[in-house]
Amino acid sequence: MSPRVLVDRAAGVASPAERGRSAKPPALESGPVPLLWGWSRVDGRAHAVDPGGEHPALVYLARCGHRLLRRTILREVPSGRRCPACVGGADR
């Protein structure tokens, strides 16, 4: 096919916004993301972090609002004492 034919066919295709749908691609349904735990030397407790959540630059934002540096090692199993607020939020 010539490039001219491809351009003409593409011109007739409506964008998602023109069809009344969101232009945002659908989210992948892979199931819930497990929480990870990071130990804070500030209070000596493990805090729950949602790895798929929105975090400010250079820090992880824990469920309780505590900020952990991005260089904190996140683990599947908490080490040491757990933050009571994060434990309550992790059960949801």
PDB file of N, CA and C in Angstrom:
ATOM      1  N   MET A   1       0.832  -1.183   0.000  1.00  0.00           N
ATOM      2  CA  MET A   1       0.000   0.000   0.000  1.00  0.00           C
ATOM      3  C   MET A   1       0.872   1.241   0.000  1.00  0.00           C
ATOM      4  N   SER A   2       0.361   2.242  -0.616  1.00  0.00           N
ATOM      5  CA  SER A   2       1.117   3.487  -0.647  1.00  0.00           C
ATOM      6  C   SER A   2       0.891   4.270   0.650  1.00  0.00           C
ATOM      7  N   PRO A   3       1.836   5.113   1.024  1.00  0.00           N
ATOM      8  CA  PRO A   3       1.665   5.927   2.233  1.00  0.00           C
ATOM      9  C   PRO A   3       0.437   6.832   2.155  1.00  0.00           C
ATOM     10  N   ARG A   4       0.068   7.242   0.958  1.00  0.00           N
ATOM     11  CA  ARG A   4      -1.097   8.121   0.779  1.00  0.00           C
ATOM     12  C   ARG A   4      -2.375   7.422   1.243  1.00  0.00           C
ATOM     13  N   VAL A   5      -2.517   6.137   0.918  1.00  0.00           N
ATOM     14  CA  VAL A   5      -3.703   5.377   1.309  1.00  0.00           C
ATOM     15  C   VAL A   5      -3.761   5.244   2.829  1.00  0.00           C
ATOM     16  N   LEU A   6      -2.635   5.003   3.479  1.00  0.00           N
ATOM     17  CA  LEU A   6      -2.609   4.864   4.935  1.00  0.00           C
ATOM     18  C   LEU A   6      -3.012   6.165   5.623  1.00  0.00           C
ATOM     19  N   VAL A   7      -2.571   7.290   5.102  1.00  0.00           N
ATOM     20  CA  VAL A   7      -2.914   8.578   5.687  1.00  0.00           C
ATOM     21  C   VAL A   7      -4.412   8.831   5.541  1.00  0.00           C
ATOM     22  N   ASP A   8      -4.972   8.539   4.393  1.00  0.00           N
ATOM     23  CA  ASP A   8      -6.401   8.765   4.164  1.00  0.00           C
ATOM     24  C   ASP A   8      -7.247   7.892   5.090  1.00  0.00           C
ATOM     25  N   ARG A   9      -6.874   6.659   5.300  1.00  0.00           N
ATOM     26  CA  ARG A   9      -7.631   5.768   6.187  1.00  0.00           C
ATOM     27  C   ARG A   9      -7.546   6.253   7.632  1.00  0.00           C
ATOM     28  N   ALA A  10      -6.380   6.706   8.049  1.00  0.00           N
ATOM     29  CA  ALA A  10      -6.213   7.167   9.425  1.00  0.00           C
ATOM     30  C   ALA A  10      -6.990   8.456   9.665  1.00  0.00           C
ATOM     31  N   ALA A  11      -7.198   9.266   8.654  1.00  0.00           N
ATOM     32  CA  ALA A  11      -7.909  10.533   8.826  1.00  0.00           C
ATOM     33  C   ALA A  11      -9.368  10.312   9.195  1.00  0.00           C
ATOM     34  N   GLY A  12      -9.939   9.197   8.796  1.00  0.00           N
ATOM     35  CA  GLY A  12     -11.349   8.921   9.083  1.00  0.00           C
ATOM     36  C   GLY A  12     -11.592   8.274  10.435  1.00  0.00           C
ATOM     37  N   VAL A  13     -10.546   7.951  11.160  1.00  0.00           N
ATOM     38  CA  VAL A  13     -10.693   7.291  12.459  1.00  0.00           C
ATOM     39  C   VAL A  13     -10.844   8.350  13.544  1.00  0.00           C
ATOM     40  N   ALA A  14     -11.894   8.237  14.336  1.00  0.00           N
ATOM     41  CA  ALA A  14     -12.136   9.202  15.411  1.00  0.00           C
ATOM     42  C   ALA A  14     -11.257   8.867  16.611  1.00  0.00           C
ATOM     43  N   SER A  15     -10.805   9.894  17.283  1.00  0.00           N
ATOM     44  CA  SER A  15     -10.005   9.696  18.487  1.00  0.00           C
ATOM     45  C   SER A  15     -10.926   9.241  19.620  1.00  0.00           C
ATOM     46  N   PRO A  16     -10.385   8.658  20.702  1.00  0.00           N
ATOM     47  CA  PRO A  16     -11.234   8.238  21.818  1.00  0.00           C
ATOM     48  C   PRO A  16     -12.052   9.385  22.397  1.00  0.00           C
ATOM     49  N   ALA A  17     -11.489  10.590  22.451  1.00  0.00           N
ATOM     50  CA  ALA A  17     -12.226  11.737  22.991  1.00  0.00           C
ATOM     51  C   ALA A  17     -13.412  12.098  22.099  1.00  0.00           C
ATOM     52  N   GLU A  18     -13.230  11.963  20.770  1.00  0.00           N
ATOM     53  CA  GLU A  18     -14.312  12.262  19.838  1.00  0.00           C
ATOM     54  C   GLU A  18     -15.418  11.216  19.917  1.00  0.00           C
ATOM     55  N   ARG A  19     -15.070  10.003  20.309  1.00  0.00           N
ATOM     56  CA  ARG A  19     -16.081   8.944  20.434  1.00  0.00           C
ATOM     57  C   ARG A  19     -16.768   8.985  21.790  1.00  0.00           C
ATOM     58  N   GLY A  20     -16.378   9.940  22.664  1.00  0.00           N
ATOM     59  CA  GLY A  20     -17.013  10.058  23.968  1.00  0.00           C
ATOM     60  C   GLY A  20     -16.382   9.185  25.036  1.00  0.00           C
ATOM     61  N   ARG A  21     -15.227   8.630  24.761  1.00  0.00           N
ATOM     62  CA  ARG A  21     -14.529   7.789  25.735  1.00  0.00           C
ATOM     63  C   ARG A  21     -13.284   8.502  26.228  1.00  0.00           C
ATOM     64  N   SER A  22     -12.784   8.024  27.318  1.00  0.00           N
ATOM     65  CA  SER A  22     -11.554   8.582  27.867  1.00  0.00           C
ATOM     66  C   SER A  22     -10.379   8.194  26.986  1.00  0.00           C
ATOM     67  N   ALA A  23      -9.451   9.110  26.814  1.00  0.00           N
ATOM     68  CA  ALA A  23      -8.243   8.812  26.049  1.00  0.00           C
ATOM     69  C   ALA A  23      -7.230   8.049  26.880  1.00  0.00           C
ATOM     70  N   LYS A  24      -7.490   7.905  28.189  1.00  0.00           N
ATOM     71  CA  LYS A  24      -6.580   7.197  29.079  1.00  0.00           C
ATOM     72  C   LYS A  24      -6.685   5.690  28.820  1.00  0.00           C
ATOM     73  N   PRO A  25      -5.563   4.977  28.690  1.00  0.00           N
ATOM     74  CA  PRO A  25      -5.643   3.538  28.451  1.00  0.00           C
ATOM     75  C   PRO A  25      -6.201   2.820  29.673  1.00  0.00           C
ATOM     76  N   PRO A  26      -6.906   1.713  29.478  1.00  0.00           N
ATOM     77  CA  PRO A  26      -7.464   0.990  30.614  1.00  0.00           C
ATOM     78  C   PRO A  26      -6.362   0.430  31.505  1.00  0.00           C
ATOM     79  N   ALA A  27      -6.626   0.393  32.796  1.00  0.00           N
ATOM     80  CA  ALA A  27      -5.645  -0.143  33.750  1.00  0.00           C
ATOM     81  C   ALA A  27      -5.557  -1.652  33.603  1.00  0.00           C
ATOM     82  N   LEU A  28      -4.369  -2.165  33.783  1.00  0.00           N
ATOM     83  CA  LEU A  28      -4.187  -3.609  33.733  1.00  0.00           C
ATOM     84  C   LEU A  28      -4.738  -4.231  35.003  1.00  0.00           C
ATOM     85  N   GLU A  29      -5.477  -5.286  34.865  1.00  0.00           N
ATOM     86  CA  GLU A  29      -6.075  -5.927  36.022  1.00  0.00           C
ATOM     87  C   GLU A  29      -5.225  -7.121  36.424  1.00  0.00           C
ATOM     88  N   SER A  30      -4.234  -6.857  37.250  1.00  0.00           N
ATOM     89  CA  SER A  30      -3.352  -7.931  37.695  1.00  0.00           C
ATOM     90  C   SER A  30      -3.602  -8.293  39.146  1.00  0.00           C
ATOM     91  N   GLY A  31      -4.638  -7.734  39.742  1.00  0.00           N
ATOM     92  CA  GLY A  31      -4.942  -8.021  41.137  1.00  0.00           C
ATOM     93  C   GLY A  31      -4.340  -6.982  42.054  1.00  0.00           C
ATOM     94  N   PRO A  32      -4.628  -7.103  43.335  1.00  0.00           N
ATOM     95  CA  PRO A  32      -4.110  -6.112  44.284  1.00  0.00           C
ATOM     96  C   PRO A  32      -2.597  -6.198  44.426  1.00  0.00           C
ATOM     97  N   VAL A  33      -1.986  -5.043  44.608  1.00  0.00           N
ATOM     98  CA  VAL A  33      -0.542  -4.981  44.796  1.00  0.00           C
ATOM     99  C   VAL A  33      -0.254  -5.174  46.279  1.00  0.00           C
ATOM    100  N   PRO A  34       0.592  -6.136  46.631  1.00  0.00           N
ATOM    101  CA  PRO A  34       0.880  -6.344  48.057  1.00  0.00           C
ATOM    102  C   PRO A  34       1.665  -5.172  48.627  1.00  0.00           C
ATOM    103  N   LEU A  35       1.433  -4.901  49.897  1.00  0.00           N
ATOM    104  CA  LEU A  35       2.176  -3.845  50.567  1.00  0.00           C
ATOM    105  C   LEU A  35       3.596  -4.301  50.833  1.00  0.00           C
ATOM    106  N   LEU A  36       4.507  -3.374  50.801  1.00  0.00           N
ATOM    107  CA  LEU A  36       5.888  -3.637  51.169  1.00  0.00           C
ATOM    108  C   LEU A  36       6.176  -2.872  52.445  1.00  0.00           C
ATOM    109  N   TRP A  37       7.163  -3.319  53.183  1.00  0.00           N
ATOM    110  CA  TRP A  37       7.491  -2.723  54.470  1.00  0.00           C
ATOM    111  C   TRP A  37       8.899  -2.155  54.439  1.00  0.00           C
ATOM    112  N   GLY A  38       9.036  -0.948  54.969  1.00  0.00           N
ATOM    113  CA  GLY A  38      10.335  -0.299  55.059  1.00  0.00           C
ATOM    114  C   GLY A  38      10.596   0.138  56.491  1.00  0.00           C
ATOM    115  N   TRP A  39      11.812  -0.101  56.976  1.00  0.00           N
ATOM    116  CA  TRP A  39      12.168   0.234  58.346  1.00  0.00           C
ATOM    117  C   TRP A  39      12.684   1.664  58.394  1.00  0.00           C
ATOM    118  N   SER A  40      12.190   2.435  59.355  1.00  0.00           N
ATOM    119  CA  SER A  40      12.609   3.822  59.527  1.00  0.00           C
ATOM    120  C   SER A  40      13.524   3.936  60.729  1.00  0.00           C
ATOM    121  N   ARG A  41      14.679   4.548  60.533  1.00  0.00           N
ATOM    122  CA  ARG A  41      15.577   4.748  61.666  1.00  0.00           C
ATOM    123  C   ARG A  41      15.129   5.930  62.515  1.00  0.00           C
ATOM    124  N   VAL A  42      14.202   6.730  62.036  1.00  0.00           N
ATOM    125  CA  VAL A  42      13.703   7.866  62.807  1.00  0.00           C
ATOM    126  C   VAL A  42      12.918   7.386  64.029  1.00  0.00           C
ATOM    127  N   ASP A  43      11.983   6.447  63.832  1.00  0.00           N
ATOM    128  CA  ASP A  43      11.195   5.949  64.960  1.00  0.00           C
ATOM    129  C   ASP A  43      11.435   4.466  65.263  1.00  0.00           C
ATOM    130  N   GLY A  44      12.276   3.807  64.471  1.00  0.00           N
ATOM    131  CA  GLY A  44      12.621   2.414  64.741  1.00  0.00           C
ATOM    132  C   GLY A  44      11.491   1.433  64.471  1.00  0.00           C
ATOM    133  N   ARG A  45      10.595   1.775  63.562  1.00  0.00           N
ATOM    134  CA  ARG A  45       9.463   0.902  63.235  1.00  0.00           C
ATOM    135  C   ARG A  45       9.400   0.641  61.735  1.00  0.00           C
ATOM    136  N   ALA A  46       8.728  -0.461  61.400  1.00  0.00           N
ATOM    137  CA  ALA A  46       8.494  -0.801  60.000  1.00  0.00           C
ATOM    138  C   ALA A  46       7.189  -0.146  59.563  1.00  0.00           C
ATOM    139  N   HIS A  47       7.205   0.482  58.408  1.00  0.00           N
ATOM    140  CA  HIS A  47       6.035   1.188  57.885  1.00  0.00           C
ATOM    141  C   HIS A  47       5.601   0.550  56.570  1.00  0.00           C
ATOM    142  N   ALA A  48       4.277   0.478  56.358  1.00  0.00           N
ATOM    143  CA  ALA A  48       3.707  -0.115  55.149  1.00  0.00           C
ATOM    144  C   ALA A  48       3.728   0.904  54.016  1.00  0.00           C
ATOM    145  N   VAL A  49       4.231   0.476  52.855  1.00  0.00           N
ATOM    146  CA  VAL A  49       4.333   1.331  51.675  1.00  0.00           C
ATOM    147  C   VAL A  49       3.614   0.639  50.526  1.00  0.00           C
ATOM    148  N   ASP A  50       2.771   1.378  49.838  1.00  0.00           N
ATOM    149  CA  ASP A  50       2.106   0.873  48.647  1.00  0.00           C
ATOM    150  C   ASP A  50       3.017   1.166  47.463  1.00  0.00           C
ATOM    151  N   PRO A  51       3.664   0.139  46.878  1.00  0.00           N
ATOM    152  CA  PRO A  51       4.634   0.408  45.816  1.00  0.00           C
ATOM    153  C   PRO A  51       4.018   1.011  44.560  1.00  0.00           C
ATOM    154  N   GLY A  52       2.735   0.808  44.345  1.00  0.00           N
ATOM    155  CA  GLY A  52       2.082   1.353  43.164  1.00  0.00           C
ATOM    156  C   GLY A  52       1.453   2.709  43.403  1.00  0.00           C
ATOM    157  N   GLY A  53       1.577   3.246  44.602  1.00  0.00           N
ATOM    158  CA  GLY A  53       0.968   4.524  44.942  1.00  0.00           C
ATOM    159  C   GLY A  53       1.777   5.701  44.445  1.00  0.00           C
ATOM    160  N   GLU A  54       1.209   6.877  44.636  1.00  0.00           N
ATOM    161  CA  GLU A  54       1.913   8.101  44.252  1.00  0.00           C
ATOM    162  C   GLU A  54       2.776   8.552  45.415  1.00  0.00           C
ATOM    163  N   HIS A  55       4.052   8.769  45.153  1.00  0.00           N
ATOM    164  CA  HIS A  55       5.005   9.160  46.177  1.00  0.00           C
ATOM    165  C   HIS A  55       5.707  10.449  45.760  1.00  0.00           C
ATOM    166  N   PRO A  56       5.973  11.349  46.720  1.00  0.00           N
ATOM    167  CA  PRO A  56       6.739  12.556  46.394  1.00  0.00           C
ATOM    168  C   PRO A  56       8.154  12.188  45.939  1.00  0.00           C
ATOM    169  N   ALA A  57       8.824  13.130  45.354  1.00  0.00           N
ATOM    170  CA  ALA A  57      10.192  12.890  44.893  1.00  0.00           C
ATOM    171  C   ALA A  57      11.102  12.564  46.069  1.00  0.00           C
ATOM    172  N   LEU A  58      11.954  11.577  45.883  1.00  0.00           N
ATOM    173  CA  LEU A  58      13.000  11.157  46.815  1.00  0.00           C
ATOM    174  C   LEU A  58      12.507  10.443  48.074  1.00  0.00           C
ATOM    175  N   VAL A  59      11.212  10.265  48.252  1.00  0.00           N
ATOM    176  CA  VAL A  59      10.713   9.568  49.443  1.00  0.00           C
ATOM    177  C   VAL A  59       9.574   8.623  49.085  1.00  0.00           C
ATOM    178  N   TYR A  60       9.378   7.625  49.945  1.00  0.00           N
ATOM    179  CA  TYR A  60       8.183   6.783  49.894  1.00  0.00           C
ATOM    180  C   TYR A  60       7.232   7.324  50.950  1.00  0.00           C
ATOM    181  N   LEU A  61       5.975   7.397  50.646  1.00  0.00           N
ATOM    182  CA  LEU A  61       4.978   7.852  51.594  1.00  0.00           C
ATOM    183  C   LEU A  61       4.270   6.621  52.157  1.00  0.00           C
ATOM    184  N   ALA A  62       4.444   6.377  53.464  1.00  0.00           N
ATOM    185  CA  ALA A  62       3.847   5.206  54.117  1.00  0.00           C
ATOM    186  C   ALA A  62       2.347   5.427  54.305  1.00  0.00           C
ATOM    187  N   ARG A  63       1.639   4.353  54.631  1.00  0.00           N
ATOM    188  CA  ARG A  63       0.191   4.433  54.852  1.00  0.00           C
ATOM    189  C   ARG A  63      -0.168   5.407  55.957  1.00  0.00           C
ATOM    190  N   CYS A  64       0.679   5.529  56.957  1.00  0.00           N
ATOM    191  CA  CYS A  64       0.406   6.405  58.099  1.00  0.00           C
ATOM    192  C   CYS A  64       0.821   7.845  57.832  1.00  0.00           C
ATOM    193  N   GLY A  65       1.477   8.111  56.699  1.00  0.00           N
ATOM    194  CA  GLY A  65       1.945   9.450  56.375  1.00  0.00           C
ATOM    195  C   GLY A  65       3.430   9.654  56.644  1.00  0.00           C
ATOM    196  N   HIS A  66       4.064   8.679  57.267  1.00  0.00           N
ATOM    197  CA  HIS A  66       5.504   8.752  57.546  1.00  0.00           C
ATOM    198  C   HIS A  66       6.255   8.720  56.215  1.00  0.00           C
ATOM    199  N   ARG A  67       7.337   9.470  56.120  1.00  0.00           N
ATOM    200  CA  ARG A  67       8.134   9.516  54.890  1.00  0.00           C
ATOM    201  C   ARG A  67       9.414   8.715  55.074  1.00  0.00           C
ATOM    202  N   LEU A  68       9.671   7.834  54.123  1.00  0.00           N
ATOM    203  CA  LEU A  68      10.881   7.020  54.119  1.00  0.00           C
ATOM    204  C   LEU A  68      11.713   7.411  52.908  1.00  0.00           C
ATOM    205  N   LEU A  69      13.017   7.540  53.086  1.00  0.00           N
ATOM    206  CA  LEU A  69      13.891   7.860  51.960  1.00  0.00           C
ATOM    207  C   LEU A  69      13.800   6.769  50.903  1.00  0.00           C
ATOM    208  N   ARG A  70      13.971   7.135  49.644  1.00  0.00           N
ATOM    209  CA  ARG A  70      13.885   6.173  48.543  1.00  0.00           C
ATOM    210  C   ARG A  70      14.971   5.111  48.607  1.00  0.00           C
ATOM    211  N   ARG A  71      16.035   5.373  49.328  1.00  0.00           N
ATOM    212  CA  ARG A  71      17.087   4.361  49.431  1.00  0.00           C
ATOM    213  C   ARG A  71      16.766   3.312  50.495  1.00  0.00           C
ATOM    214  N   THR A  72      15.609   3.458  51.154  1.00  0.00           N
ATOM    215  CA  THR A  72      15.159   2.461  52.134  1.00  0.00           C
ATOM    216  C   THR A  72      14.857   1.157  51.416  1.00  0.00           C
ATOM    217  N   ILE A  73      15.299   0.057  51.984  1.00  0.00           N
ATOM    218  CA  ILE A  73      15.027  -1.257  51.404  1.00  0.00           C
ATOM    219  C   ILE A  73      13.611  -1.663  51.776  1.00  0.00           C
ATOM    220  N   LEU A  74      12.788  -1.968  50.764  1.00  0.00           N
ATOM    221  CA  LEU A  74      11.417  -2.400  50.997  1.00  0.00           C
ATOM    222  C   LEU A  74      11.365  -3.922  50.948  1.00  0.00           C
ATOM    223  N   ARG A  75      10.701  -4.512  51.937  1.00  0.00           N
ATOM    224  CA  ARG A  75      10.619  -5.969  52.042  1.00  0.00           C
ATOM    225  C   ARG A  75       9.166  -6.411  52.105  1.00  0.00           C
ATOM    226  N   GLU A  76       8.927  -7.661  51.751  1.00  0.00           N
ATOM    227  CA  GLU A  76       7.576  -8.220  51.820  1.00  0.00           C
ATOM    228  C   GLU A  76       7.155  -8.509  53.260  1.00  0.00           C
ATOM    229  N   VAL A  77       8.121  -8.800  54.126  1.00  0.00           N
ATOM    230  CA  VAL A  77       7.835  -9.115  55.528  1.00  0.00           C
ATOM    231  C   VAL A  77       8.459  -8.013  56.389  1.00  0.00           C
ATOM    232  N   PRO A  78       7.678  -7.429  57.303  1.00  0.00           N
ATOM    233  CA  PRO A  78       8.243  -6.358  58.129  1.00  0.00           C
ATOM    234  C   PRO A  78       9.304  -6.878  59.081  1.00  0.00           C
ATOM    235  N   SER A  79      10.324  -6.068  59.300  1.00  0.00           N
ATOM    236  CA  SER A  79      11.369  -6.440  60.250  1.00  0.00           C
ATOM    237  C   SER A  79      11.258  -5.528  61.463  1.00  0.00           C
ATOM    238  N   GLY A  80      11.301  -6.096  62.638  1.00  0.00           N
ATOM    239  CA  GLY A  80      11.194  -5.310  63.862  1.00  0.00           C
ATOM    240  C   GLY A  80       9.753  -4.966  64.192  1.00  0.00           C
ATOM    241  N   ARG A  81       9.605  -3.948  65.024  1.00  0.00           N
ATOM    242  CA  ARG A  81       8.263  -3.524  65.428  1.00  0.00           C
ATOM    243  C   ARG A  81       7.581  -2.817  64.269  1.00  0.00           C
ATOM    244  N   ARG A  82       6.281  -3.066  64.135  1.00  0.00           N
ATOM    245  CA  ARG A  82       5.511  -2.427  63.077  1.00  0.00           C
ATOM    246  C   ARG A  82       4.791  -1.189  63.596  1.00  0.00           C
ATOM    247  N   CYS A  83       4.616  -0.223  62.745  1.00  0.00           N
ATOM    248  CA  CYS A  83       3.877   0.999  63.067  1.00  0.00           C
ATOM    249  C   CYS A  83       2.416   0.618  63.297  1.00  0.00           C
ATOM    250  N   PRO A  84       1.826   0.985  64.444  1.00  0.00           N
ATOM    251  CA  PRO A  84       0.430   0.622  64.702  1.00  0.00           C
ATOM    252  C   PRO A  84      -0.539   1.203  63.672  1.00  0.00           C
ATOM    253  N   ALA A  85      -0.298   2.411  63.204  1.00  0.00           N
ATOM    254  CA  ALA A  85      -1.192   3.015  62.192  1.00  0.00           C
ATOM    255  C   ALA A  85      -1.096   2.278  60.866  1.00  0.00           C
ATOM    256  N   CYS A  86       0.095   1.842  60.480  1.00  0.00           N
ATOM    257  CA  CYS A  86       0.266   1.109  59.221  1.00  0.00           C
ATOM    258  C   CYS A  86      -0.335  -0.289  59.316  1.00  0.00           C
ATOM    259  N   VAL A  87      -0.242  -0.919  60.475  1.00  0.00           N
ATOM    260  CA  VAL A  87      -0.831  -2.251  60.646  1.00  0.00           C
ATOM    261  C   VAL A  87      -2.337  -2.167  60.502  1.00  0.00           C
ATOM    262  N   GLY A  88      -2.949  -1.142  61.076  1.00  0.00           N
ATOM    263  CA  GLY A  88      -4.394  -0.942  60.947  1.00  0.00           C
ATOM    264  C   GLY A  88      -4.806  -0.680  59.520  1.00  0.00           C
ATOM    265  N   GLY A  89      -4.019   0.097  58.790  1.00  0.00           N
ATOM    266  CA  GLY A  89      -4.306   0.394  57.400  1.00  0.00           C
ATOM    267  C   GLY A  89      -3.998  -0.749  56.454  1.00  0.00           C
ATOM    268  N   ALA A  90      -3.099  -1.649  56.850  1.00  0.00           N
ATOM    269  CA  ALA A  90      -2.718  -2.773  55.988  1.00  0.00           C
ATOM    270  C   ALA A  90      -3.790  -3.843  55.969  1.00  0.00           C
ATOM    271  N   ASP A  91      -4.648  -3.862  56.986  1.00  0.00           N
ATOM    272  CA  ASP A  91      -5.692  -4.886  57.053  1.00  0.00           C
ATOM    273  C   ASP A  91      -6.895  -4.558  56.193  1.00  0.00           C
ATOM    274  N   ARG A  92      -6.957  -3.344  55.628  1.00  0.00           N
ATOM    275  CA  ARG A  92      -8.110  -2.939  54.821  1.00  0.00           C
ATOM    276  C   ARG A  92      -8.203  -3.719  53.555  1.00  0.00           C
TER     277      ARG A  92
END
